[in-house]
């Protein structure tokens, strides 16, 4: 008869949980790319229906993508994948009957908004990759660094959020001037 090893059992349970979570995230990601928005035929909520993201096409051809969260720390892949899934759903909701606009040469301006009491994170600690991959696939004709620049700024706001502006390159100086409060505020210590 085998003796029960609680440490080994706990380790196996944690490995099984990790594998199940990874499979669930992969399935959600896949479903978000192939399922149409709206309620499924059998009823119930659809993938991404309650997503905390929205996409707006603004005057001048600018896009504003708003996430109701500060981007996660680098290495927090579960949360990053969830945000990527939410972004895909928001893009489908914003452009249900037509293709989204495509940018050839552009700037992605990341506006990190921190609510009261939230500690600022260094930009190099924020995970941009998952969100940027979704935005590039949806809105860019080519994601080479020679055609797509990125800018990051942080400031206080009423609640946590991240706004990602997708701008034609020639519009970036105008964005800087019209959104001075986003990047020219007093530094926080």
Protein backbone atom coordinates (compact mmCIF):
# COMPACT_ATOMS: atom_id res chain seq x y z
CA UNK A 1 0.00 0.00 0.00
CA UNK A 2 1.35 3.46 -0.99
CA UNK A 3 1.69 6.16 1.62
CA UNK A 4 0.04 9.54 0.99
CA UNK A 5 2.54 12.34 0.30
CA UNK A 6 0.71 15.67 0.86
CA UNK A 7 3.48 17.80 -0.71
CA UNK A 8 3.51 15.70 -3.88
CA UNK A 9 -0.30 15.71 -4.04
CA UNK A 10 -0.40 19.49 -3.63
CA UNK A 11 2.21 19.95 -6.36
CA UNK A 12 0.24 17.70 -8.75
CA UNK A 13 -2.97 19.58 -7.99
CA UNK A 14 -1.28 22.94 -8.65
CA UNK A 15 0.14 21.63 -11.94
CA UNK A 16 -3.32 20.42 -12.98
CA UNK A 17 -4.87 23.79 -12.09
CA UNK A 18 -2.19 25.65 -14.05
CA UNK A 19 -2.76 23.40 -17.09
CA UNK A 20 -6.54 23.91 -16.87
CA UNK A 21 -6.16 27.70 -16.65
CA UNK A 22 -3.76 27.75 -19.60
CA UNK A 23 -6.20 25.66 -21.67
CA UNK A 24 -9.12 27.92 -20.69
CA UNK A 25 -7.21 31.05 -21.73
CA UNK A 26 -6.20 29.47 -25.03
CA UNK A 27 -9.81 28.47 -25.72
CA UNK A 28 -11.10 31.97 -24.89
CA UNK A 29 -8.46 33.52 -27.13
CA UNK A 30 -9.37 31.19 -29.99
CA UNK A 31 -13.11 31.78 -29.50
CA UNK A 32 -12.60 35.55 -29.47
CA UNK A 33 -10.94 35.37 -32.88
CA UNK A 34 -13.55 33.16 -34.60
CA UNK A 35 -16.93 33.79 -32.92
CA UNK A 36 -19.02 36.74 -34.06
CA UNK A 37 -20.06 39.29 -31.44
CA UNK A 38 -23.56 39.11 -29.98
CA UNK A 39 -25.48 36.43 -28.15
CA UNK A 40 -24.94 32.84 -29.29
CA UNK A 41 -27.85 30.92 -30.81
CA UNK A 42 -28.40 28.89 -27.62
CA UNK A 43 -28.71 32.08 -25.51
CA UNK A 44 -26.49 33.32 -22.72
CA UNK A 45 -23.64 35.81 -22.86
CA UNK A 46 -21.27 35.75 -25.79
CA UNK A 47 -17.51 35.90 -25.76
CA UNK A 48 -16.40 39.46 -25.08
CA UNK A 49 -19.93 40.84 -24.62
CA UNK A 50 -19.05 42.29 -21.21
CA UNK A 51 -15.53 43.27 -22.26
CA UNK A 52 -14.02 46.27 -20.47
CA UNK A 53 -12.81 47.88 -23.71
CA UNK A 54 -14.16 50.19 -26.39
CA UNK A 55 -12.93 51.52 -29.73
CA UNK A 56 -13.94 54.89 -31.16
CA UNK A 57 -13.21 56.30 -34.62
CA UNK A 58 -12.71 60.04 -34.12
CA UNK A 59 -12.62 63.06 -36.38
CA UNK A 60 -9.43 63.24 -38.43
CA UNK A 61 -9.18 59.46 -38.67
CA UNK A 62 -7.80 59.01 -35.14
CA UNK A 63 -8.72 55.90 -33.19
CA UNK A 64 -9.13 55.90 -29.40
CA UNK A 65 -9.02 52.48 -27.76
CA UNK A 66 -9.98 52.59 -24.08
CA UNK A 67 -9.37 49.77 -21.61
CA UNK A 68 -10.95 50.07 -18.17
CA UNK A 69 -7.69 48.99 -16.51
CA UNK A 70 -4.06 49.95 -16.26
CA UNK A 71 -2.04 47.57 -18.42
CA UNK A 72 -0.68 44.69 -16.34
CA UNK A 73 2.91 44.23 -15.26
CA UNK A 74 5.21 42.47 -17.67
CA UNK A 75 5.02 38.72 -17.04
CA UNK A 76 1.34 38.77 -15.99
CA UNK A 77 0.36 36.80 -19.09
CA UNK A 78 -3.08 35.74 -17.85
CA UNK A 79 -4.28 39.33 -17.50
CA UNK A 80 -2.55 40.36 -20.73
CA UNK A 81 -4.36 37.64 -22.65
CA UNK A 82 -7.68 38.68 -21.15
CA UNK A 83 -7.10 42.27 -22.30
CA UNK A 84 -6.18 41.06 -25.80
CA UNK A 85 -9.42 39.09 -25.89
CA UNK A 86 -11.38 42.16 -24.76
CA UNK A 87 -9.71 44.30 -27.42
CA UNK A 88 -10.67 41.88 -30.20
CA UNK A 89 -14.28 41.89 -29.01
CA UNK A 90 -14.31 45.72 -28.83
CA UNK A 91 -12.95 45.99 -32.38
CA UNK A 92 -15.68 43.64 -33.64
CA UNK A 93 -18.32 45.75 -31.84
CA UNK A 94 -16.92 49.01 -33.26
CA UNK A 95 -16.81 47.75 -36.85
CA UNK A 96 -19.62 45.16 -37.17
CA UNK A 97 -20.49 45.87 -40.81
CA UNK A 98 -17.21 47.05 -42.29
CA UNK A 99 -13.49 46.56 -42.09
CA UNK A 100 -11.61 48.75 -39.61
CA UNK A 101 -9.43 51.56 -41.00
CA UNK A 102 -5.83 50.65 -41.85
CA UNK A 103 -2.83 52.83 -41.09
CA UNK A 104 0.40 52.67 -43.07
CA UNK A 105 2.66 54.97 -41.04
CA UNK A 106 1.35 55.61 -37.54
CA UNK A 107 2.01 56.31 -33.88
CA UNK A 108 0.53 54.31 -31.02
CA UNK A 109 0.25 56.68 -28.05
CA UNK A 110 -0.29 54.80 -24.78
CA UNK A 111 -1.95 57.00 -22.14
CA UNK A 112 -1.75 55.21 -18.76
CA UNK A 113 -4.30 56.71 -16.36
CA UNK A 114 -3.95 56.01 -12.64
CA UNK A 115 -6.87 56.42 -10.26
CA UNK A 116 -6.56 57.91 -6.77
CA UNK A 117 -4.16 55.98 -4.57
CA UNK A 118 -2.87 53.77 -7.36
CA UNK A 119 0.93 53.64 -7.53
CA UNK A 120 2.52 54.61 -10.85
CA UNK A 121 4.46 51.84 -12.63
CA UNK A 122 7.57 52.37 -14.71
CA UNK A 123 6.74 52.14 -18.41
CA UNK A 124 9.29 49.40 -18.96
CA UNK A 125 7.40 47.21 -16.44
CA UNK A 126 4.08 47.38 -18.31
CA UNK A 127 3.02 44.62 -20.68
CA UNK A 128 2.23 46.12 -24.09
CA UNK A 129 2.87 43.11 -26.33
CA UNK A 130 -0.52 41.36 -26.25
CA UNK A 131 -2.50 44.57 -26.80
CA UNK A 132 -0.10 45.89 -29.42
CA UNK A 133 -0.28 42.62 -31.37
CA UNK A 134 -4.09 42.88 -31.53
CA UNK A 135 -4.00 46.56 -32.57
CA UNK A 136 -1.34 45.97 -35.21
CA UNK A 137 -3.28 43.05 -36.71
CA UNK A 138 -6.51 45.06 -36.81
CA UNK A 139 -5.35 48.53 -37.83
CA UNK A 140 -1.87 48.48 -39.39
CA UNK A 141 -0.86 47.51 -42.90
CA UNK A 142 2.60 46.58 -41.61
CA UNK A 143 3.94 46.38 -38.06
CA UNK A 144 7.59 47.04 -38.85
CA UNK A 145 9.19 49.48 -36.41
CA UNK A 146 10.10 51.81 -39.27
CA UNK A 147 6.37 52.41 -39.88
CA UNK A 148 4.93 52.27 -36.37
CA UNK A 149 6.26 54.31 -33.46
CA UNK A 150 5.11 54.10 -29.84
CA UNK A 151 4.81 56.82 -27.20
CA UNK A 152 3.89 56.33 -23.52
CA UNK A 153 2.74 58.78 -20.89
CA UNK A 154 1.17 58.48 -17.42
CA UNK A 155 -1.04 60.75 -15.35
CA UNK A 156 -3.67 60.79 -12.63
CA UNK A 157 -7.35 60.43 -13.42
CA UNK A 158 -10.63 59.62 -11.72
CA UNK A 159 -10.18 55.86 -12.25
CA UNK A 160 -7.70 53.39 -13.67
CA UNK A 161 -7.69 53.12 -17.45
CA UNK A 162 -5.44 52.85 -20.46
CA UNK A 163 -6.21 54.77 -23.63
CA UNK A 164 -4.32 53.80 -26.73
CA UNK A 165 -4.44 56.31 -29.55
CA UNK A 166 -3.80 55.05 -33.08
CA UNK A 167 -2.78 58.11 -35.08
CA UNK A 168 -1.49 58.87 -38.54
CA UNK A 169 2.15 59.91 -38.01
CA UNK A 170 1.50 63.47 -39.20
CA UNK A 171 -1.25 63.84 -36.53
CA UNK A 172 1.04 63.03 -33.60
CA UNK A 173 2.27 66.64 -33.04
CA UNK A 174 -1.37 67.79 -32.95
CA UNK A 175 -2.19 65.02 -30.44
CA UNK A 176 0.72 66.11 -28.23
CA UNK A 177 -0.53 69.68 -28.24
CA UNK A 178 -4.20 68.81 -27.64
CA UNK A 179 -3.43 66.26 -24.89
CA UNK A 180 -0.81 68.19 -22.96
CA UNK A 181 -2.41 67.20 -19.62
CA UNK A 182 -1.60 63.58 -20.43
CA UNK A 183 2.15 64.03 -20.62
CA UNK A 184 3.18 67.45 -19.26
CA UNK A 185 1.84 67.18 -15.72
CA UNK A 186 3.99 67.52 -12.62
CA UNK A 187 6.06 64.43 -11.88
CA UNK A 188 4.82 62.23 -9.07
CA UNK A 189 7.27 61.18 -6.39
